[in-house]
N, C-alpha and C. Protein backbone atom coordinates (compact mmCIF):
# COMPACT_ATOMS: atom_id res chain seq x y z
N MET A 1 72.77 142.99 121.57
CA MET A 1 72.43 144.16 122.35
C MET A 1 71.59 145.10 121.48
N ASN A 2 70.59 145.67 122.04
CA ASN A 2 69.76 146.65 121.36
C ASN A 2 70.64 147.79 120.87
N ARG A 3 70.50 148.18 119.61
CA ARG A 3 71.36 149.21 119.03
C ARG A 3 71.20 150.55 119.74
N ARG A 4 69.99 150.90 120.11
CA ARG A 4 69.76 152.16 120.82
C ARG A 4 70.50 152.15 122.16
N LEU A 5 70.44 151.02 122.86
CA LEU A 5 71.14 150.89 124.13
C LEU A 5 72.64 150.94 123.92
N PHE A 6 73.13 150.28 122.87
CA PHE A 6 74.55 150.31 122.55
C PHE A 6 75.04 151.75 122.36
N PHE A 7 74.32 152.52 121.58
CA PHE A 7 74.74 153.89 121.31
C PHE A 7 74.71 154.72 122.59
N ALA A 8 73.70 154.53 123.41
CA ALA A 8 73.60 155.26 124.67
C ALA A 8 74.78 154.91 125.58
N LEU A 9 75.14 153.63 125.66
CA LEU A 9 76.28 153.23 126.47
C LEU A 9 77.59 153.79 125.91
N LEU A 10 77.71 153.80 124.61
CA LEU A 10 78.91 154.34 123.98
C LEU A 10 79.06 155.82 124.31
N LEU A 11 77.97 156.55 124.29
CA LEU A 11 78.02 157.97 124.61
C LEU A 11 78.49 158.20 126.04
N LEU A 12 78.13 157.30 126.95
CA LEU A 12 78.56 157.44 128.33
C LEU A 12 80.06 157.24 128.50
N LEU A 13 80.66 156.45 127.62
CA LEU A 13 82.08 156.12 127.72
C LEU A 13 82.98 157.11 127.00
N VAL A 14 82.41 158.01 126.23
CA VAL A 14 83.20 158.89 125.37
C VAL A 14 83.29 160.28 125.97
N PRO A 15 84.50 160.86 125.98
CA PRO A 15 84.62 162.24 126.47
C PRO A 15 83.74 163.18 125.65
N CYS A 16 83.07 164.09 126.33
CA CYS A 16 82.18 165.03 125.65
C CYS A 16 82.90 165.83 124.58
N SER A 17 84.18 166.11 124.77
CA SER A 17 84.92 166.90 123.78
C SER A 17 84.96 166.23 122.43
N LEU A 18 84.94 164.89 122.39
CA LEU A 18 84.93 164.19 121.12
C LEU A 18 83.56 164.26 120.45
N LEU A 19 82.51 164.32 121.25
CA LEU A 19 81.17 164.31 120.69
C LEU A 19 80.80 165.63 120.02
N VAL A 20 81.40 166.71 120.44
CA VAL A 20 81.01 168.00 119.88
C VAL A 20 82.02 168.54 118.89
N ALA A 21 83.06 167.79 118.60
CA ALA A 21 84.06 168.25 117.64
C ALA A 21 83.47 168.26 116.23
N ALA A 22 83.87 169.23 115.47
CA ALA A 22 83.42 169.35 114.08
C ALA A 22 84.49 170.09 113.30
N PRO A 23 84.35 170.17 111.97
CA PRO A 23 85.36 170.87 111.17
C PRO A 23 85.57 172.29 111.69
N CYS A 24 86.81 172.74 111.62
CA CYS A 24 87.19 174.11 111.98
C CYS A 24 86.93 174.43 113.45
N GLY A 25 86.80 173.42 114.31
CA GLY A 25 86.64 173.67 115.73
C GLY A 25 85.24 174.08 116.14
N ASP A 26 84.31 174.17 115.20
CA ASP A 26 82.93 174.51 115.53
C ASP A 26 82.28 173.34 116.25
N THR A 27 81.19 173.59 116.93
CA THR A 27 80.45 172.49 117.54
C THR A 27 79.33 172.06 116.61
N ILE A 28 78.92 170.83 116.78
CA ILE A 28 77.81 170.32 115.98
C ILE A 28 76.54 171.02 116.48
N VAL A 29 75.81 171.61 115.55
CA VAL A 29 74.61 172.35 115.93
C VAL A 29 73.55 171.43 116.51
N ASP A 30 73.38 170.27 115.90
CA ASP A 30 72.35 169.35 116.35
C ASP A 30 72.99 168.00 116.66
N ILE A 31 73.31 167.76 117.92
CA ILE A 31 73.98 166.52 118.32
C ILE A 31 73.13 165.30 117.96
N ASP A 32 71.82 165.48 117.82
CA ASP A 32 70.94 164.36 117.46
C ASP A 32 71.18 163.85 116.05
N THR A 33 71.91 164.59 115.22
CA THR A 33 72.18 164.14 113.86
C THR A 33 73.61 163.64 113.69
N ALA A 34 74.40 163.65 114.75
CA ALA A 34 75.81 163.24 114.66
C ALA A 34 75.93 161.74 114.46
N ARG A 35 76.78 161.34 113.54
CA ARG A 35 77.08 159.93 113.31
C ARG A 35 78.42 159.61 113.95
N ILE A 36 78.70 158.33 114.18
CA ILE A 36 80.02 157.90 114.61
C ILE A 36 80.45 156.72 113.74
N LEU A 37 81.75 156.49 113.68
CA LEU A 37 82.28 155.30 113.01
C LEU A 37 82.55 154.27 114.10
N VAL A 38 82.08 153.05 113.87
CA VAL A 38 82.34 151.94 114.79
C VAL A 38 83.12 150.90 113.99
N ILE A 39 84.31 150.61 114.47
CA ILE A 39 85.19 149.63 113.82
C ILE A 39 85.29 148.43 114.74
N ASP A 40 84.83 147.31 114.27
CA ASP A 40 84.76 146.08 115.05
C ASP A 40 85.79 145.10 114.50
N LYS A 41 86.93 145.00 115.18
CA LYS A 41 88.02 144.12 114.72
C LYS A 41 87.62 142.65 114.77
N GLY A 42 86.77 142.29 115.72
CA GLY A 42 86.33 140.90 115.82
C GLY A 42 85.47 140.47 114.65
N ALA A 43 84.56 141.35 114.26
CA ALA A 43 83.65 141.05 113.14
C ALA A 43 84.22 141.47 111.79
N MET A 44 85.36 142.19 111.81
CA MET A 44 86.00 142.71 110.60
C MET A 44 85.01 143.57 109.80
N ARG A 45 84.35 144.50 110.51
CA ARG A 45 83.39 145.41 109.89
C ARG A 45 83.63 146.83 110.37
N LEU A 46 83.40 147.78 109.49
CA LEU A 46 83.37 149.20 109.82
C LEU A 46 81.96 149.67 109.53
N ALA A 47 81.37 150.40 110.47
CA ALA A 47 80.00 150.87 110.28
C ALA A 47 79.90 152.35 110.59
N VAL A 48 79.00 153.00 109.86
CA VAL A 48 78.59 154.37 110.18
C VAL A 48 77.29 154.21 110.94
N VAL A 49 77.30 154.67 112.20
CA VAL A 49 76.16 154.46 113.10
C VAL A 49 75.50 155.80 113.40
N SER A 50 74.19 155.83 113.29
CA SER A 50 73.42 157.05 113.55
C SER A 50 73.18 157.18 115.06
N PRO A 51 72.74 158.36 115.51
CA PRO A 51 72.49 158.56 116.95
C PRO A 51 71.47 157.61 117.56
N ASP A 52 70.54 157.09 116.74
CA ASP A 52 69.56 156.16 117.31
C ASP A 52 70.10 154.73 117.36
N GLY A 53 71.37 154.55 116.97
CA GLY A 53 72.00 153.25 117.02
C GLY A 53 71.85 152.42 115.77
N SER A 54 71.16 152.94 114.77
CA SER A 54 71.01 152.16 113.54
C SER A 54 72.26 152.28 112.67
N VAL A 55 72.56 151.19 111.99
CA VAL A 55 73.71 151.15 111.10
C VAL A 55 73.27 151.68 109.73
N GLU A 56 73.86 152.81 109.34
CA GLU A 56 73.51 153.43 108.07
C GLU A 56 74.33 152.85 106.91
N TYR A 57 75.59 152.54 107.18
CA TYR A 57 76.50 151.96 106.19
C TYR A 57 77.36 150.94 106.91
N SER A 58 77.74 149.88 106.21
CA SER A 58 78.59 148.85 106.80
C SER A 58 79.49 148.28 105.71
N TYR A 59 80.76 148.12 106.05
CA TYR A 59 81.74 147.67 105.07
C TYR A 59 82.63 146.57 105.65
N PRO A 60 83.00 145.59 104.82
CA PRO A 60 84.02 144.63 105.28
C PRO A 60 85.37 145.35 105.32
N MET A 61 86.25 144.90 106.19
CA MET A 61 87.54 145.56 106.33
C MET A 61 88.63 144.56 106.65
N ALA A 62 89.85 145.06 106.64
CA ALA A 62 91.02 144.31 107.11
C ALA A 62 91.68 145.18 108.18
N CYS A 63 92.39 144.54 109.11
CA CYS A 63 93.07 145.31 110.15
C CYS A 63 94.45 144.71 110.42
N GLY A 64 95.07 145.17 111.51
CA GLY A 64 96.45 144.80 111.84
C GLY A 64 96.71 143.31 111.90
N LYS A 65 97.91 142.93 111.44
CA LYS A 65 98.33 141.52 111.41
C LYS A 65 98.30 140.87 112.78
N ASN A 66 98.64 141.63 113.81
CA ASN A 66 98.73 141.07 115.16
C ASN A 66 97.53 141.45 116.01
N LEU A 67 97.15 140.56 116.89
CA LEU A 67 96.03 140.79 117.81
C LEU A 67 96.42 141.79 118.89
N GLY A 68 95.40 142.42 119.48
CA GLY A 68 95.62 143.31 120.61
C GLY A 68 95.67 144.77 120.23
N ASP A 69 95.82 145.60 121.25
CA ASP A 69 95.85 147.05 121.12
C ASP A 69 97.25 147.51 120.73
N LYS A 70 97.34 148.51 119.88
CA LYS A 70 98.62 149.06 119.45
C LYS A 70 99.41 149.53 120.66
N GLN A 71 100.68 149.12 120.72
CA GLN A 71 101.57 149.50 121.81
C GLN A 71 102.70 150.41 121.34
N GLU A 72 103.23 150.10 120.14
CA GLU A 72 104.36 150.86 119.63
C GLU A 72 104.39 150.81 118.11
N SER A 73 105.11 151.74 117.54
CA SER A 73 105.25 151.80 116.10
C SER A 73 105.84 150.48 115.58
N GLY A 74 105.26 149.97 114.51
CA GLY A 74 105.77 148.75 113.90
C GLY A 74 105.27 147.46 114.51
N ASP A 75 104.37 147.51 115.49
CA ASP A 75 103.91 146.27 116.12
C ASP A 75 102.79 145.56 115.36
N MET A 76 102.38 146.14 114.24
CA MET A 76 101.38 145.52 113.36
C MET A 76 100.04 145.31 114.05
N ARG A 77 99.69 146.19 115.00
CA ARG A 77 98.41 146.11 115.70
C ARG A 77 97.57 147.34 115.38
N THR A 78 96.28 147.15 115.32
CA THR A 78 95.34 148.26 115.14
C THR A 78 94.96 148.76 116.54
N PRO A 79 95.03 150.08 116.75
CA PRO A 79 94.71 150.61 118.08
C PRO A 79 93.25 150.37 118.45
N GLU A 80 92.99 150.33 119.75
CA GLU A 80 91.63 150.16 120.28
C GLU A 80 91.30 151.33 121.17
N GLY A 81 90.08 151.81 121.09
CA GLY A 81 89.65 152.91 121.93
C GLY A 81 88.78 153.88 121.16
N THR A 82 88.65 155.07 121.72
CA THR A 82 87.85 156.12 121.11
C THR A 82 88.77 157.21 120.60
N PHE A 83 88.66 157.50 119.31
CA PHE A 83 89.53 158.46 118.64
C PHE A 83 88.67 159.42 117.83
N SER A 84 89.31 160.21 116.99
CA SER A 84 88.56 161.09 116.09
C SER A 84 89.28 161.15 114.75
N VAL A 85 88.52 161.56 113.73
CA VAL A 85 89.10 161.78 112.41
C VAL A 85 89.93 163.06 112.49
N GLN A 86 91.18 162.97 112.08
CA GLN A 86 92.06 164.14 112.10
C GLN A 86 92.00 164.89 110.78
N SER A 87 92.10 164.14 109.66
CA SER A 87 92.11 164.78 108.34
C SER A 87 91.81 163.73 107.27
N ILE A 88 91.50 164.22 106.07
CA ILE A 88 91.18 163.34 104.94
C ILE A 88 92.09 163.73 103.78
N HIS A 89 92.78 162.74 103.20
CA HIS A 89 93.77 163.01 102.16
C HIS A 89 93.48 162.22 100.89
N ASN A 90 93.73 162.84 99.74
CA ASN A 90 93.72 162.12 98.47
C ASN A 90 95.02 161.33 98.45
N SER A 91 94.92 160.01 98.49
CA SER A 91 96.11 159.16 98.55
C SER A 91 96.31 158.36 97.27
N SER A 92 95.63 158.75 96.21
CA SER A 92 95.67 157.98 94.96
C SER A 92 97.08 157.87 94.38
N TRP A 93 97.93 158.78 94.70
CA TRP A 93 99.30 158.78 94.16
C TRP A 93 100.33 158.23 95.15
N TRP A 94 99.90 157.85 96.35
CA TRP A 94 100.83 157.36 97.36
C TRP A 94 101.35 155.97 97.01
N LYS A 95 102.58 155.69 97.40
CA LYS A 95 103.22 154.39 97.16
C LYS A 95 103.67 153.81 98.49
N HIS A 96 103.81 152.47 98.53
CA HIS A 96 104.30 151.85 99.77
C HIS A 96 104.93 150.50 99.46
N ASP A 97 105.97 150.20 100.20
CA ASP A 97 106.61 148.88 100.13
C ASP A 97 106.22 148.12 101.39
N PHE A 98 105.45 147.06 101.23
CA PHE A 98 104.98 146.27 102.37
C PHE A 98 106.02 145.26 102.84
N ARG A 99 107.18 145.29 102.24
CA ARG A 99 108.29 144.38 102.58
C ARG A 99 107.87 142.91 102.47
N ASP A 100 107.11 142.65 101.40
CA ASP A 100 106.65 141.28 101.15
C ASP A 100 107.30 140.70 99.90
N GLY A 101 108.34 141.37 99.41
CA GLY A 101 109.04 140.91 98.22
C GLY A 101 108.47 141.44 96.93
N LYS A 102 107.36 142.18 96.99
CA LYS A 102 106.73 142.71 95.77
C LYS A 102 107.20 144.11 95.43
N GLY A 103 108.00 144.71 96.31
CA GLY A 103 108.53 146.03 96.06
C GLY A 103 107.51 147.13 96.32
N ILE A 104 107.78 148.30 95.75
CA ILE A 104 106.92 149.47 95.94
C ILE A 104 105.64 149.30 95.12
N ILE A 105 104.51 149.49 95.77
CA ILE A 105 103.19 149.33 95.14
C ILE A 105 102.61 150.71 94.88
N ASP A 106 102.30 151.03 93.62
CA ASP A 106 101.59 152.26 93.29
C ASP A 106 100.14 152.12 93.75
N GLY A 107 99.58 153.17 94.32
CA GLY A 107 98.18 153.13 94.75
C GLY A 107 97.92 152.20 95.92
N ALA A 108 98.94 151.95 96.73
CA ALA A 108 98.83 150.99 97.83
C ALA A 108 97.72 151.36 98.82
N TYR A 109 97.44 152.66 98.97
CA TYR A 109 96.44 153.12 99.94
C TYR A 109 95.10 153.45 99.30
N GLY A 110 94.94 153.11 98.03
CA GLY A 110 93.68 153.43 97.36
C GLY A 110 93.50 154.92 97.19
N PRO A 111 92.27 155.36 96.90
CA PRO A 111 92.05 156.77 96.58
C PRO A 111 92.00 157.73 97.77
N TRP A 112 91.73 157.22 98.99
CA TRP A 112 91.57 158.13 100.13
C TRP A 112 92.22 157.55 101.38
N PHE A 113 92.77 158.46 102.21
CA PHE A 113 93.34 158.10 103.50
C PHE A 113 92.69 159.00 104.54
N ILE A 114 91.95 158.39 105.45
CA ILE A 114 91.29 159.12 106.54
C ILE A 114 92.18 158.96 107.77
N ARG A 115 92.94 160.01 108.07
CA ARG A 115 93.90 159.97 109.18
C ARG A 115 93.16 160.08 110.51
N LEU A 116 93.51 159.20 111.45
CA LEU A 116 92.89 159.22 112.77
C LEU A 116 93.82 159.89 113.78
N ASN A 117 93.23 160.58 114.72
CA ASN A 117 93.98 161.18 115.81
C ASN A 117 94.09 160.13 116.90
N VAL A 118 95.23 159.45 116.94
CA VAL A 118 95.49 158.37 117.91
C VAL A 118 96.68 158.82 118.75
N PRO A 119 96.43 159.31 119.95
CA PRO A 119 97.52 159.82 120.79
C PRO A 119 98.67 158.81 120.93
N GLY A 120 99.88 159.30 120.71
CA GLY A 120 101.07 158.45 120.82
C GLY A 120 101.44 157.71 119.56
N HIS A 121 100.59 157.80 118.52
CA HIS A 121 100.86 157.08 117.27
C HIS A 121 100.58 157.98 116.07
N LYS A 122 101.45 157.90 115.07
CA LYS A 122 101.24 158.67 113.84
C LYS A 122 100.99 157.71 112.69
N GLY A 123 100.27 158.18 111.69
CA GLY A 123 100.09 157.40 110.48
C GLY A 123 99.01 156.34 110.55
N ILE A 124 98.17 156.34 111.56
CA ILE A 124 97.08 155.37 111.64
C ILE A 124 95.87 155.95 110.93
N GLY A 125 95.27 155.16 110.06
CA GLY A 125 94.12 155.66 109.33
C GLY A 125 93.25 154.57 108.75
N ILE A 126 92.24 155.03 108.04
CA ILE A 126 91.33 154.17 107.29
C ILE A 126 91.60 154.50 105.84
N HIS A 127 91.88 153.50 105.03
CA HIS A 127 92.24 153.78 103.64
C HIS A 127 91.81 152.65 102.72
N GLY A 128 91.95 152.91 101.44
CA GLY A 128 91.66 151.90 100.42
C GLY A 128 92.82 150.92 100.31
N THR A 129 92.84 150.19 99.21
CA THR A 129 93.85 149.14 99.07
C THR A 129 94.15 148.80 97.62
N HIS A 130 95.29 148.20 97.41
CA HIS A 130 95.65 147.63 96.12
C HIS A 130 95.21 146.16 96.07
N ASP A 131 94.72 145.63 97.20
CA ASP A 131 94.40 144.20 97.33
C ASP A 131 93.02 144.02 97.96
N SER A 132 91.97 144.11 97.15
CA SER A 132 90.61 144.01 97.69
C SER A 132 90.29 142.61 98.23
N ASP A 133 91.09 141.62 97.88
CA ASP A 133 90.87 140.26 98.39
C ASP A 133 91.29 140.12 99.85
N SER A 134 91.90 141.16 100.42
CA SER A 134 92.38 141.08 101.80
C SER A 134 91.30 141.39 102.84
N MET A 135 90.09 141.75 102.40
CA MET A 135 89.02 142.07 103.36
C MET A 135 88.74 140.86 104.25
N GLY A 136 88.50 141.13 105.53
CA GLY A 136 88.21 140.07 106.49
C GLY A 136 89.45 139.41 107.06
N GLN A 137 90.62 139.95 106.72
CA GLN A 137 91.86 139.34 107.18
C GLN A 137 92.67 140.30 108.04
N ARG A 138 93.57 139.73 108.81
CA ARG A 138 94.52 140.52 109.60
C ARG A 138 95.81 140.59 108.79
N VAL A 139 95.95 141.68 108.04
CA VAL A 139 97.07 141.78 107.11
C VAL A 139 97.77 143.15 107.10
N THR A 140 97.24 144.13 107.82
CA THR A 140 97.79 145.47 107.71
C THR A 140 98.87 145.73 108.75
N GLU A 141 99.53 146.86 108.60
CA GLU A 141 100.56 147.29 109.55
C GLU A 141 99.94 148.00 110.75
N GLY A 142 98.60 148.09 110.79
CA GLY A 142 97.90 148.71 111.90
C GLY A 142 96.71 149.55 111.46
N CYS A 143 96.67 149.92 110.20
CA CYS A 143 95.55 150.71 109.68
C CYS A 143 94.33 149.83 109.44
N ILE A 144 93.23 150.49 109.15
CA ILE A 144 92.00 149.82 108.75
C ILE A 144 91.92 149.96 107.24
N ARG A 145 91.76 148.86 106.56
CA ARG A 145 91.77 148.83 105.10
C ARG A 145 90.38 148.48 104.58
N LEU A 146 89.90 149.27 103.60
CA LEU A 146 88.62 149.03 102.94
C LEU A 146 88.82 148.83 101.45
N ARG A 147 87.83 148.26 100.79
CA ARG A 147 87.86 148.21 99.32
C ARG A 147 87.80 149.65 98.80
N ASN A 148 88.38 149.90 97.66
CA ASN A 148 88.43 151.26 97.12
C ASN A 148 87.05 151.86 96.89
N GLU A 149 86.10 151.07 96.43
CA GLU A 149 84.76 151.62 96.21
C GLU A 149 84.09 151.99 97.55
N ASP A 150 84.45 151.28 98.62
CA ASP A 150 83.89 151.58 99.93
C ASP A 150 84.52 152.84 100.54
N ILE A 151 85.83 153.01 100.38
CA ILE A 151 86.47 154.23 100.91
C ILE A 151 86.03 155.44 100.10
N ASP A 152 85.73 155.23 98.81
CA ASP A 152 85.19 156.34 97.99
C ASP A 152 83.88 156.85 98.58
N GLU A 153 83.03 155.94 99.02
CA GLU A 153 81.76 156.34 99.64
C GLU A 153 82.00 156.90 101.04
N LEU A 154 82.80 156.20 101.84
CA LEU A 154 83.00 156.60 103.23
C LEU A 154 83.60 158.00 103.35
N HIS A 155 84.52 158.36 102.48
CA HIS A 155 85.18 159.66 102.63
C HIS A 155 84.19 160.83 102.47
N THR A 156 83.05 160.58 101.85
CA THR A 156 82.03 161.64 101.72
C THR A 156 81.16 161.74 102.97
N LEU A 157 81.26 160.77 103.87
CA LEU A 157 80.41 160.72 105.06
C LEU A 157 81.12 161.18 106.33
N VAL A 158 82.44 161.27 106.29
CA VAL A 158 83.21 161.62 107.49
C VAL A 158 83.72 163.05 107.41
N PHE A 159 84.15 163.57 108.57
CA PHE A 159 84.70 164.92 108.64
C PHE A 159 85.70 164.97 109.79
N PRO A 160 86.66 165.89 109.73
CA PRO A 160 87.59 166.04 110.85
C PRO A 160 86.82 166.31 112.14
N GLY A 161 87.19 165.59 113.18
CA GLY A 161 86.52 165.69 114.47
C GLY A 161 85.49 164.61 114.70
N MET A 162 85.10 163.89 113.67
CA MET A 162 84.10 162.83 113.83
C MET A 162 84.65 161.74 114.76
N MET A 163 83.80 161.23 115.63
CA MET A 163 84.20 160.20 116.59
C MET A 163 84.35 158.85 115.90
N VAL A 164 85.40 158.12 116.32
CA VAL A 164 85.69 156.78 115.80
C VAL A 164 85.92 155.87 117.00
N ARG A 165 85.18 154.77 117.06
CA ARG A 165 85.34 153.80 118.15
C ARG A 165 85.85 152.51 117.55
N ILE A 166 87.03 152.07 118.02
CA ILE A 166 87.62 150.82 117.54
C ILE A 166 87.61 149.82 118.70
N SER A 167 86.96 148.68 118.47
CA SER A 167 86.86 147.68 119.52
C SER A 167 87.62 146.41 119.14
N GLN A 168 88.02 145.69 120.17
CA GLN A 168 88.74 144.44 120.00
C GLN A 168 87.80 143.33 119.54
N ASP A 169 86.67 143.25 120.18
CA ASP A 169 85.73 142.17 119.93
C ASP A 169 84.42 142.74 119.42
N SER A 170 83.56 141.88 118.97
CA SER A 170 82.27 142.30 118.51
C SER A 170 81.50 142.93 119.67
N ILE A 171 81.24 144.25 119.57
CA ILE A 171 80.50 144.93 120.61
C ILE A 171 79.05 145.13 120.20
N CYS A 172 78.78 144.91 118.94
CA CYS A 172 77.41 144.94 118.45
C CYS A 172 77.37 144.18 117.15
N VAL A 173 76.21 143.87 116.71
CA VAL A 173 76.06 143.16 115.45
C VAL A 173 76.00 144.21 114.35
N ILE A 174 76.98 144.16 113.47
CA ILE A 174 77.02 145.09 112.34
C ILE A 174 76.76 144.27 111.08
N ASP A 175 75.62 144.51 110.45
CA ASP A 175 75.32 143.76 109.21
C ASP A 175 75.60 144.61 108.02
């Protein structure tokens, strides 16, 4: 699909309130410069897409262990739909036990955690990892996982209120 057409169709499907959200509740002065995050679970890619539909940045990722849209806490699925960035946290000191027999992992979430506003679910985000070899796999508890060097770059490109579109299947070609 033509990238320009893809972006135009995406804009038609998204509530206007998500398109004009910005830090501190202000509106974006120039909507023509607004970027969105497109997360493609089928292609295992996260992309920063410009208003003209061009992919400015693209990263390999990992997502939820189980297929389908998130239904409930603990179902190991990554949610699907249109969301927004809620907040950005330094997660370099966070620890987590993945219940895989390895115990508590220091730095499990990498240096940054980009929390998403996903109605009905808490704790869903885009974050780094202690296991960069997991990219391209379904291994998470529902979050989107990036390599630490990629989340280091991505966290400088996003802001609270930024639109995030997570799809089940490849909705566009992200290279």
